[in-house]
Amino acid sequence: MIKICLVLEDTKLEAERDNDTALWNGTSSDVLTGKKQDFSLTDDQMSAIVFLGMAGDEKPEAEALYRIAEPALKNWPIECRPIP
């Protein structure tokens, strides 16, 4: 089991990897408004989101990572999105 807690400006991402399902289950929350979004993400989606959240979207890899991350985040409230 792996756990992650990542705070990016006003967004807090907390997740735990379920080794049986190979999914990251967790919550992304806006610390200002209290809005929350529960999620289940694949390893690829979680990795892309964490990279984009930490490194930003100005890296050469960003375009490819957005193609992985965006489908998972399309219905999330804007306040809970951990990427730019």
C-alpha atoms as a PDB file:
ATOM      1  CA  MET A   1       0.000   0.000   0.000  1.00  0.00           C
ATOM      2  CA  ILE A   2       1.208   3.478  -0.885  1.00  0.00           C
ATOM      3  CA  LYS A   3      -0.295   6.706   0.452  1.00  0.00           C
ATOM      4  CA  ILE A   4       0.153  10.224  -0.829  1.00  0.00           C
ATOM      5  CA  CYS A   5      -0.775  13.634   0.523  1.00  0.00           C
ATOM      6  CA  LEU A   6       0.052  16.528  -1.761  1.00  0.00           C
ATOM      7  CA  VAL A   7      -0.868  20.158  -1.123  1.00  0.00           C
ATOM      8  CA  LEU A   8      -0.714  22.402  -4.185  1.00  0.00           C
ATOM      9  CA  GLU A   9      -1.608  25.987  -3.344  1.00  0.00           C
ATOM     10  CA  ASP A  10      -5.308  25.710  -2.385  1.00  0.00           C
ATOM     11  CA  THR A  11      -5.822  22.073  -3.404  1.00  0.00           C
ATOM     12  CA  LYS A  12      -5.113  19.057  -1.211  1.00  0.00           C
ATOM     13  CA  LEU A  13      -4.848  15.642  -2.842  1.00  0.00           C
ATOM     14  CA  GLU A  14      -4.947  12.590  -0.571  1.00  0.00           C
ATOM     15  CA  ALA A  15      -4.935   9.061  -1.934  1.00  0.00           C
ATOM     16  CA  GLU A  16      -4.101   5.460  -1.186  1.00  0.00           C
ATOM     17  CA  ARG A  17      -3.197   2.830  -3.758  1.00  0.00           C
ATOM     18  CA  ASP A  18      -5.216  -0.382  -3.566  1.00  0.00           C
ATOM     19  CA  ASN A  19      -2.805  -3.109  -4.643  1.00  0.00           C
ATOM     20  CA  ASP A  20      -5.654  -5.535  -5.377  1.00  0.00           C
ATOM     21  CA  THR A  21      -7.322  -3.263  -7.923  1.00  0.00           C
ATOM     22  CA  ALA A  22      -4.228  -1.215  -8.890  1.00  0.00           C
ATOM     23  CA  LEU A  23      -6.275   1.981  -8.393  1.00  0.00           C
ATOM     24  CA  TRP A  24      -5.606   5.140  -6.422  1.00  0.00           C
ATOM     25  CA  ASN A  25      -8.656   5.963  -4.275  1.00  0.00           C
ATOM     26  CA  GLY A  26      -8.858   9.300  -2.567  1.00  0.00           C
ATOM     27  CA  THR A  27     -10.157  12.819  -2.297  1.00  0.00           C
ATOM     28  CA  SER A  28      -9.136  16.112  -3.799  1.00  0.00           C
ATOM     29  CA  SER A  29     -10.321  19.123  -1.848  1.00  0.00           C
ATOM     30  CA  ASP A  30     -10.221  22.888  -2.052  1.00  0.00           C
ATOM     31  CA  VAL A  31      -8.946  24.148   1.281  1.00  0.00           C
ATOM     32  CA  LEU A  32     -10.670  27.538   0.878  1.00  0.00           C
ATOM     33  CA  THR A  33     -14.206  26.456  -0.032  1.00  0.00           C
ATOM     34  CA  GLY A  34     -14.266  22.952   1.447  1.00  0.00           C
ATOM     35  CA  LYS A  35     -15.428  21.442  -1.868  1.00  0.00           C
ATOM     36  CA  LYS A  36     -14.335  17.835  -2.301  1.00  0.00           C
ATOM     37  CA  GLN A  37     -14.084  15.337  -5.118  1.00  0.00           C
ATOM     38  CA  ASP A  38     -13.689  11.611  -4.449  1.00  0.00           C
ATOM     39  CA  PHE A  39     -11.845   9.656  -7.112  1.00  0.00           C
ATOM     40  CA  SER A  40     -10.411   6.375  -8.339  1.00  0.00           C
ATOM     41  CA  LEU A  41      -7.493   6.782 -10.737  1.00  0.00           C
ATOM     42  CA  THR A  42      -5.156   4.462 -12.578  1.00  0.00           C
ATOM     43  CA  ASP A  43      -1.401   4.606 -11.967  1.00  0.00           C
ATOM     44  CA  ASP A  44      -0.923   6.506 -15.243  1.00  0.00           C
ATOM     45  CA  GLN A  45      -3.607   9.068 -14.387  1.00  0.00           C
ATOM     46  CA  MET A  46      -2.298   9.618 -10.861  1.00  0.00           C
ATOM     47  CA  SER A  47       1.291   9.955 -12.066  1.00  0.00           C
ATOM     48  CA  ALA A  48       0.307  12.467 -14.755  1.00  0.00           C
ATOM     49  CA  ILE A  49      -1.741  14.548 -12.301  1.00  0.00           C
ATOM     50  CA  VAL A  50       1.003  14.598  -9.660  1.00  0.00           C
ATOM     51  CA  PHE A  51       3.671  15.527 -12.231  1.00  0.00           C
ATOM     52  CA  LEU A  52       1.566  18.333 -13.728  1.00  0.00           C
ATOM     53  CA  GLY A  53       0.575  19.589 -10.286  1.00  0.00           C
ATOM     54  CA  MET A  54       4.163  19.761  -9.072  1.00  0.00           C
ATOM     55  CA  ALA A  55       6.034  20.699 -12.248  1.00  0.00           C
ATOM     56  CA  GLY A  56       3.390  22.763 -14.017  1.00  0.00           C
ATOM     57  CA  ASP A  57       2.414  22.756 -17.645  1.00  0.00           C
ATOM     58  CA  GLU A  58       5.518  24.392 -19.105  1.00  0.00           C
ATOM     59  CA  LYS A  59       7.567  21.197 -19.319  1.00  0.00           C
ATOM     60  CA  PRO A  60       7.908  19.480 -22.726  1.00  0.00           C
ATOM     61  CA  GLU A  61       6.072  16.414 -21.372  1.00  0.00           C
ATOM     62  CA  ALA A  62       3.010  18.420 -20.340  1.00  0.00           C
ATOM     63  CA  GLU A  63       0.980  17.972 -23.533  1.00  0.00           C
ATOM     64  CA  ALA A  64       1.236  14.169 -23.404  1.00  0.00           C
ATOM     65  CA  LEU A  65       0.471  14.142 -19.676  1.00  0.00           C
ATOM     66  CA  TYR A  66      -2.631  16.307 -20.135  1.00  0.00           C
ATOM     67  CA  ARG A  67      -3.969  13.714 -22.601  1.00  0.00           C
ATOM     68  CA  ILE A  68      -3.728  11.161 -19.781  1.00  0.00           C
ATOM     69  CA  ALA A  69      -4.963  13.378 -16.933  1.00  0.00           C
ATOM     70  CA  GLU A  70      -7.777  15.411 -18.504  1.00  0.00           C
ATOM     71  CA  PRO A  71     -10.276  12.567 -19.129  1.00  0.00           C
ATOM     72  CA  ALA A  72     -10.100  11.639 -15.446  1.00  0.00           C
ATOM     73  CA  LEU A  73     -10.734  15.233 -14.327  1.00  0.00           C
ATOM     74  CA  LYS A  74     -13.403  16.295 -16.829  1.00  0.00           C
ATOM     75  CA  ASN A  75     -16.294  16.246 -14.323  1.00  0.00           C
ATOM     76  CA  TRP A  76     -14.385  17.548 -11.309  1.00  0.00           C
ATOM     77  CA  PRO A  77     -15.250  20.952  -9.821  1.00  0.00           C
ATOM     78  CA  ILE A  78     -12.664  23.482 -10.990  1.00  0.00           C
ATOM     79  CA  GLU A  79     -11.750  24.247  -7.362  1.00  0.00           C
ATOM     80  CA  CYS A  80     -10.735  20.606  -6.779  1.00  0.00           C
ATOM     81  CA  ARG A  81      -8.541  20.192  -9.843  1.00  0.00           C
ATOM     82  CA  PRO A  82      -4.913  19.750  -8.734  1.00  0.00           C
ATOM     83  CA  ILE A  83      -3.451  20.714 -12.114  1.00  0.00           C
ATOM     84  CA  PRO A  84      -3.228  24.080 -13.900  1.00  0.00           C
END
